[in-house]
Amino acid sequence: WKNNKKIFLTYKEGILLIVPKNYRNKSRNIMDKSNIALSNWMFSMVISSLSVGFLSLIVLSILDVKYAISNAIIAMLLNIIPNIGPVISAVFPISIALIDNLWKPLLVLGSYVIIQNIESYIIMPSIMKKRTNLLPGLALISQFGFTFIFGPLGLVLSLPLAVVIQVIIKETSNE
């Protein structure tokens, strides 16, 4: 950890060399606050993804869907992609449940909708409010904007970029 911190400090100071001397302290402050904000966002995403994976594992085990652990891991990993990740993660267990009978895929679909609503309206807002303080409007605008400009990669990177942009806006408007 200490070695990684030294490398980060070296890169940060190297980047600050291209900033005019008058703005270096302000830029250093913005970079430090952006680092904290991104760390908080990453913590929020990890907690959110772990809860989605855990809830998926419980539901899929109760419904006796084959490969419940694998599907829960897929749900956990795809939860990182806003909006479309959870939809993609539901395709696999629904397909597997379709092999057993016709009513099980409906139960899996319903349970995934409930899990995503719990994650979207209860877990994530409470974590984000405490950890990142990301404005919902900025998050939505950044998802649309970055997806339009950069495509699927823009969607994946939209929330961390929105966190950094929010820090930059707050810090530069305080002058």
Protein backbone atom coordinates (compact mmCIF):
# COMPACT_ATOMS: atom_id res chain seq x y z
CA TRP A 1 0.00 0.00 0.00
CA LYS A 2 2.82 2.42 0.87
CA ASN A 3 4.53 1.77 -2.46
CA ASN A 4 1.28 2.42 -4.37
CA LYS A 5 0.77 5.64 -2.44
CA LYS A 6 4.27 6.81 -3.38
CA ILE A 7 3.60 6.05 -7.04
CA PHE A 8 0.31 7.98 -6.88
CA LEU A 9 2.04 10.95 -5.28
CA THR A 10 4.74 10.86 -7.96
CA TYR A 11 2.12 10.91 -10.76
CA LYS A 12 0.12 13.61 -9.03
CA GLU A 13 3.15 15.84 -8.61
CA GLY A 14 4.15 15.15 -12.23
CA ILE A 15 0.73 16.26 -13.44
CA LEU A 16 0.91 19.35 -11.25
CA LEU A 17 4.13 20.41 -13.03
CA ILE A 18 2.09 21.32 -16.12
CA VAL A 19 -0.26 23.50 -14.05
CA PRO A 20 0.79 27.15 -13.60
CA LYS A 21 2.37 27.80 -10.19
CA ASN A 22 -0.47 30.10 -9.11
CA TYR A 23 -2.99 27.25 -9.44
CA ARG A 24 -0.95 24.30 -8.13
CA ASN A 25 -2.23 24.38 -4.55
CA LYS A 26 -5.84 24.64 -5.75
CA SER A 27 -5.26 21.84 -8.27
CA ARG A 28 -3.61 19.66 -5.60
CA ASN A 29 -6.62 20.24 -3.34
CA ILE A 30 -9.04 19.31 -6.16
CA MET A 31 -7.07 16.15 -6.94
CA ASP A 32 -7.05 15.12 -3.26
CA LYS A 33 -10.79 15.70 -2.91
CA SER A 34 -11.45 13.87 -6.18
CA ASN A 35 -9.44 10.93 -4.88
CA ILE A 36 -11.53 10.83 -1.69
CA ALA A 37 -14.78 11.16 -3.64
CA LEU A 38 -13.81 8.35 -6.03
CA SER A 39 -12.81 6.13 -3.11
CA ASN A 40 -16.19 6.76 -1.49
CA TRP A 41 -17.97 6.03 -4.77
CA MET A 42 -16.04 2.78 -5.18
CA PHE A 43 -16.92 1.76 -1.62
CA SER A 44 -20.59 2.47 -2.38
CA MET A 45 -20.47 0.39 -5.56
CA VAL A 46 -18.81 -2.53 -3.78
CA ILE A 47 -21.43 -2.55 -1.01
CA SER A 48 -24.24 -2.23 -3.55
CA SER A 49 -22.88 -5.02 -5.75
CA LEU A 50 -22.29 -7.33 -2.79
CA SER A 51 -25.88 -6.80 -1.62
CA VAL A 52 -27.26 -7.52 -5.10
CA GLY A 53 -25.13 -10.66 -5.34
CA PHE A 54 -26.15 -11.84 -1.88
CA LEU A 55 -29.86 -11.19 -2.48
CA SER A 56 -29.66 -12.91 -5.88
CA LEU A 57 -27.98 -15.93 -4.32
CA ILE A 58 -30.70 -16.21 -1.68
CA VAL A 59 -33.56 -15.87 -4.17
CA LEU A 60 -32.06 -18.21 -6.75
CA SER A 61 -31.34 -20.81 -4.07
CA ILE A 62 -34.90 -20.60 -2.77
CA LEU A 63 -36.27 -20.96 -6.31
CA ASP A 64 -33.87 -23.88 -6.89
CA VAL A 65 -32.37 -22.37 -10.04
CA LYS A 66 -29.26 -24.22 -11.21
CA TYR A 67 -25.92 -22.41 -11.02
CA ALA A 68 -27.21 -20.02 -8.38
CA ILE A 69 -23.72 -19.04 -7.23
CA SER A 70 -22.52 -18.29 -10.77
CA ASN A 71 -25.62 -16.25 -11.54
CA ALA A 72 -25.26 -14.31 -8.29
CA ILE A 73 -21.66 -13.49 -9.15
CA ILE A 74 -22.74 -12.34 -12.62
CA ALA A 75 -25.44 -10.15 -11.05
CA MET A 76 -22.89 -8.73 -8.64
CA LEU A 77 -20.39 -7.88 -11.39
CA LEU A 78 -22.89 -6.50 -13.89
CA ASN A 79 -24.45 -4.29 -11.20
CA ILE A 80 -21.54 -1.91 -11.80
CA ILE A 81 -22.91 -1.00 -15.25
CA PRO A 82 -25.72 1.52 -14.67
CA ASN A 83 -29.20 0.75 -16.03
CA ILE A 84 -28.38 -2.09 -18.46
CA GLY A 85 -26.14 -4.25 -16.25
CA PRO A 86 -28.97 -5.52 -14.04
CA VAL A 87 -31.10 -6.28 -17.11
CA ILE A 88 -28.31 -8.31 -18.70
CA SER A 89 -27.66 -10.15 -15.43
CA ALA A 90 -31.28 -11.34 -15.32
CA VAL A 91 -31.09 -12.99 -18.73
CA PHE A 92 -28.89 -15.88 -17.58
CA PRO A 93 -30.95 -17.16 -14.62
CA ILE A 94 -34.19 -16.66 -16.55
CA SER A 95 -32.79 -18.79 -19.39
CA ILE A 96 -31.68 -21.50 -16.99
CA ALA A 97 -35.02 -21.43 -15.16
CA LEU A 98 -36.81 -21.86 -18.49
CA ILE A 99 -35.33 -25.36 -18.74
CA ASP A 100 -37.22 -26.50 -15.62
CA ASN A 101 -40.73 -25.20 -16.31
CA LEU A 102 -42.69 -22.20 -17.51
CA TRP A 103 -43.56 -20.52 -14.20
CA LYS A 104 -40.03 -20.42 -12.73
CA PRO A 105 -38.67 -17.80 -15.18
CA LEU A 106 -41.52 -15.48 -14.21
CA LEU A 107 -40.60 -15.87 -10.55
CA VAL A 108 -36.93 -15.20 -11.35
CA LEU A 109 -37.84 -12.12 -13.38
CA GLY A 110 -40.09 -10.83 -10.60
CA SER A 111 -37.44 -11.43 -7.98
CA TYR A 112 -34.77 -9.64 -10.02
CA VAL A 113 -37.10 -6.66 -10.45
CA ILE A 114 -37.66 -6.59 -6.68
CA ILE A 115 -33.93 -6.93 -5.97
CA GLN A 116 -33.09 -4.08 -8.32
CA ASN A 117 -35.79 -1.88 -6.80
CA ILE A 118 -34.42 -2.58 -3.32
CA GLU A 119 -30.92 -1.74 -4.56
CA SER A 120 -31.98 1.35 -6.51
CA TYR A 121 -34.38 2.90 -4.00
CA ILE A 122 -33.11 1.74 -0.60
CA ILE A 123 -29.51 0.50 -0.59
CA MET A 124 -27.81 2.80 -3.09
CA PRO A 125 -29.44 6.11 -2.04
CA SER A 126 -28.63 5.54 1.62
CA ILE A 127 -25.01 4.66 0.83
CA MET A 128 -24.55 7.42 -1.75
CA LYS A 129 -26.06 10.04 0.52
CA LYS A 130 -23.60 9.23 3.28
CA ARG A 131 -20.51 8.52 1.17
CA THR A 132 -20.48 10.48 -2.11
CA ASN A 133 -23.23 13.09 -2.00
CA LEU A 134 -23.66 12.71 -5.78
CA LEU A 135 -26.52 14.81 -7.07
CA PRO A 136 -29.13 12.57 -8.78
CA GLY A 137 -29.67 15.03 -11.63
CA LEU A 138 -25.96 15.20 -12.38
CA ALA A 139 -25.75 11.39 -12.32
CA LEU A 140 -28.60 11.06 -14.83
CA ILE A 141 -27.31 13.79 -17.13
CA SER A 142 -23.82 12.30 -17.07
CA GLN A 143 -25.15 8.85 -17.95
CA PHE A 144 -26.98 10.19 -21.00
CA GLY A 145 -24.21 12.57 -22.04
CA PHE A 146 -21.24 10.25 -21.68
CA THR A 147 -23.14 7.37 -23.30
CA PHE A 148 -24.05 9.60 -26.25
CA ILE A 149 -20.46 10.80 -26.66
CA PHE A 150 -18.44 7.67 -25.82
CA GLY A 151 -20.93 4.82 -26.23
CA PRO A 152 -21.01 1.86 -23.82
CA LEU A 153 -17.68 2.80 -22.24
CA GLY A 154 -19.15 6.23 -21.47
CA LEU A 155 -22.02 4.59 -19.62
CA VAL A 156 -19.63 2.54 -17.48
CA LEU A 157 -17.45 5.57 -16.69
CA SER A 158 -20.28 8.10 -16.34
CA LEU A 159 -20.75 7.92 -12.57
CA PRO A 160 -17.07 8.13 -11.57
CA LEU A 161 -16.63 11.00 -14.01
CA ALA A 162 -19.72 12.70 -12.57
CA VAL A 163 -18.23 12.38 -9.08
CA VAL A 164 -15.00 14.07 -10.24
CA ILE A 165 -16.88 16.76 -12.19
CA GLN A 166 -18.99 17.54 -9.12
CA VAL A 167 -15.83 17.97 -7.02
CA ILE A 168 -14.26 20.22 -9.67
CA ILE A 169 -17.40 22.36 -9.91
CA LYS A 170 -17.68 22.73 -6.13
CA GLU A 171 -14.03 23.55 -5.65
CA THR A 172 -13.71 26.02 -8.53
CA SER A 173 -16.91 27.83 -7.61
CA ASN A 174 -15.69 28.44 -4.04
CA GLU A 175 -13.08 30.96 -5.17
